Amino acid sequence: MPYDSSLDKQLFTKSWESGEMKITVSVYSYNNGPKKVQISRESVNAEGEPRFAKLGRMTKEELEGVLPFLKEALGHL
């Protein structure tokens, strides 16, 4: 069964920004299935446009920035 974006329901989302980096914490439910947390990172390219980047490792500053959002997301699960 292929992915159908119309079945993906966003229940929560908040973003933390620092300079040219943005980390977003979201809660989604696909086709009324289990609720899951998604954490994504966006950076700004040379043209000034946002582009998704691998989340990978996080700095202390980044973790401190998104930790309150993770705790809030937990309340939506």
C-alpha atoms as a PDB file:
ATOM      1  CA  MET A   1       0.000   0.000   0.000  1.00  0.00           C
ATOM      2  CA  PRO A   2       1.661   3.283  -1.066  1.00  0.00           C
ATOM      3  CA  TYR A   3       1.831   6.315   1.201  1.00  0.00           C
ATOM      4  CA  ASP A   4      -1.217   8.608   0.922  1.00  0.00           C
ATOM      5  CA  SER A   5      -0.608  12.097   2.363  1.00  0.00           C
ATOM      6  CA  SER A   6      -4.360  12.669   2.808  1.00  0.00           C
ATOM      7  CA  LEU A   7      -4.342   9.940   5.501  1.00  0.00           C
ATOM      8  CA  ASP A   8      -1.500  11.570   7.476  1.00  0.00           C
ATOM      9  CA  LYS A   9      -2.937  13.730  10.277  1.00  0.00           C
ATOM     10  CA  GLN A  10      -0.692  16.242  12.061  1.00  0.00           C
ATOM     11  CA  LEU A  11      -1.704  16.496  15.722  1.00  0.00           C
ATOM     12  CA  PHE A  12       1.054  18.761  17.067  1.00  0.00           C
ATOM     13  CA  THR A  13       4.010  20.740  15.736  1.00  0.00           C
ATOM     14  CA  LYS A  14       6.478  23.266  17.158  1.00  0.00           C
ATOM     15  CA  SER A  15       9.785  24.527  15.816  1.00  0.00           C
ATOM     16  CA  TRP A  16      12.974  25.831  17.401  1.00  0.00           C
ATOM     17  CA  GLU A  17      15.193  28.140  15.331  1.00  0.00           C
ATOM     18  CA  SER A  18      18.774  29.255  15.727  1.00  0.00           C
ATOM     19  CA  GLY A  19      20.467  31.194  12.982  1.00  0.00           C
ATOM     20  CA  GLU A  20      20.186  29.227   9.760  1.00  0.00           C
ATOM     21  CA  MET A  21      18.940  26.030  11.455  1.00  0.00           C
ATOM     22  CA  LYS A  22      15.406  24.962  12.377  1.00  0.00           C
ATOM     23  CA  ILE A  23      14.399  21.781  14.229  1.00  0.00           C
ATOM     24  CA  THR A  24      10.730  20.777  14.216  1.00  0.00           C
ATOM     25  CA  VAL A  25       9.020  18.355  16.597  1.00  0.00           C
ATOM     26  CA  SER A  26       5.685  16.984  15.366  1.00  0.00           C
ATOM     27  CA  VAL A  27       3.184  14.279  16.259  1.00  0.00           C
ATOM     28  CA  TYR A  28       1.425  12.451  13.419  1.00  0.00           C
ATOM     29  CA  SER A  29      -1.132   9.680  13.079  1.00  0.00           C
ATOM     30  CA  TYR A  30      -1.343   7.848   9.763  1.00  0.00           C
ATOM     31  CA  ASN A  31      -4.759   6.407   8.835  1.00  0.00           C
ATOM     32  CA  ASN A  32      -5.917   6.727  12.483  1.00  0.00           C
ATOM     33  CA  GLY A  33      -3.032   4.455  13.508  1.00  0.00           C
ATOM     34  CA  PRO A  34      -0.664   4.891  16.445  1.00  0.00           C
ATOM     35  CA  LYS A  35       0.569   8.413  17.140  1.00  0.00           C
ATOM     36  CA  LYS A  36       4.268   8.907  16.422  1.00  0.00           C
ATOM     37  CA  VAL A  37       6.802  11.685  16.979  1.00  0.00           C
ATOM     38  CA  GLN A  38       8.786  13.078  14.058  1.00  0.00           C
ATOM     39  CA  ILE A  39      11.851  15.275  14.540  1.00  0.00           C
ATOM     40  CA  SER A  40      13.228  17.029  11.465  1.00  0.00           C
ATOM     41  CA  ARG A  41      15.989  19.538  10.745  1.00  0.00           C
ATOM     42  CA  GLU A  42      16.029  22.244   8.083  1.00  0.00           C
ATOM     43  CA  SER A  43      18.996  24.359   7.095  1.00  0.00           C
ATOM     44  CA  VAL A  44      19.294  27.295   4.737  1.00  0.00           C
ATOM     45  CA  ASN A  45      21.220  26.712   1.499  1.00  0.00           C
ATOM     46  CA  ALA A  46      23.448  29.214  -0.336  1.00  0.00           C
ATOM     47  CA  GLU A  47      20.411  30.693  -2.135  1.00  0.00           C
ATOM     48  CA  GLY A  48      18.678  31.340   1.195  1.00  0.00           C
ATOM     49  CA  GLU A  49      16.067  28.623   0.673  1.00  0.00           C
ATOM     50  CA  PRO A  50      15.262  26.074   3.383  1.00  0.00           C
ATOM     51  CA  ARG A  51      16.216  22.448   2.752  1.00  0.00           C
ATOM     52  CA  PHE A  52      15.817  19.333   4.852  1.00  0.00           C
ATOM     53  CA  ALA A  53      18.978  18.008   6.468  1.00  0.00           C
ATOM     54  CA  LYS A  54      19.733  14.798   8.325  1.00  0.00           C
ATOM     55  CA  LEU A  55      18.974  15.293  12.022  1.00  0.00           C
ATOM     56  CA  GLY A  56      21.948  13.210  13.156  1.00  0.00           C
ATOM     57  CA  ARG A  57      23.644  14.511  16.254  1.00  0.00           C
ATOM     58  CA  MET A  58      22.426  17.524  18.191  1.00  0.00           C
ATOM     59  CA  THR A  59      24.337  20.165  20.124  1.00  0.00           C
ATOM     60  CA  LYS A  60      23.508  20.929  23.744  1.00  0.00           C
ATOM     61  CA  GLU A  61      21.884  24.199  22.610  1.00  0.00           C
ATOM     62  CA  GLU A  62      19.678  22.364  20.086  1.00  0.00           C
ATOM     63  CA  LEU A  63      18.652  19.724  22.615  1.00  0.00           C
ATOM     64  CA  GLU A  64      17.820  22.336  25.241  1.00  0.00           C
ATOM     65  CA  GLY A  65      15.763  24.179  22.614  1.00  0.00           C
ATOM     66  CA  VAL A  66      13.621  21.205  21.565  1.00  0.00           C
ATOM     67  CA  LEU A  67      13.381  19.395  24.926  1.00  0.00           C
ATOM     68  CA  PRO A  68      10.285  21.376  26.038  1.00  0.00           C
ATOM     69  CA  PHE A  69       8.644  20.541  22.683  1.00  0.00           C
ATOM     70  CA  LEU A  70       9.416  16.839  23.130  1.00  0.00           C
ATOM     71  CA  LYS A  71       7.809  16.902  26.567  1.00  0.00           C
ATOM     72  CA  GLU A  72       4.780  18.670  25.121  1.00  0.00           C
ATOM     73  CA  ALA A  73       4.616  16.180  22.226  1.00  0.00           C
ATOM     74  CA  LEU A  74       4.591  13.355  24.777  1.00  0.00           C
ATOM     75  CA  GLY A  75       1.267  14.719  26.039  1.00  0.00           C
ATOM     76  CA  HIS A  76      -0.218  14.221  22.549  1.00  0.00           C
ATOM     77  CA  LEU A  77       0.724  10.524  22.353  1.00  0.00           C
END
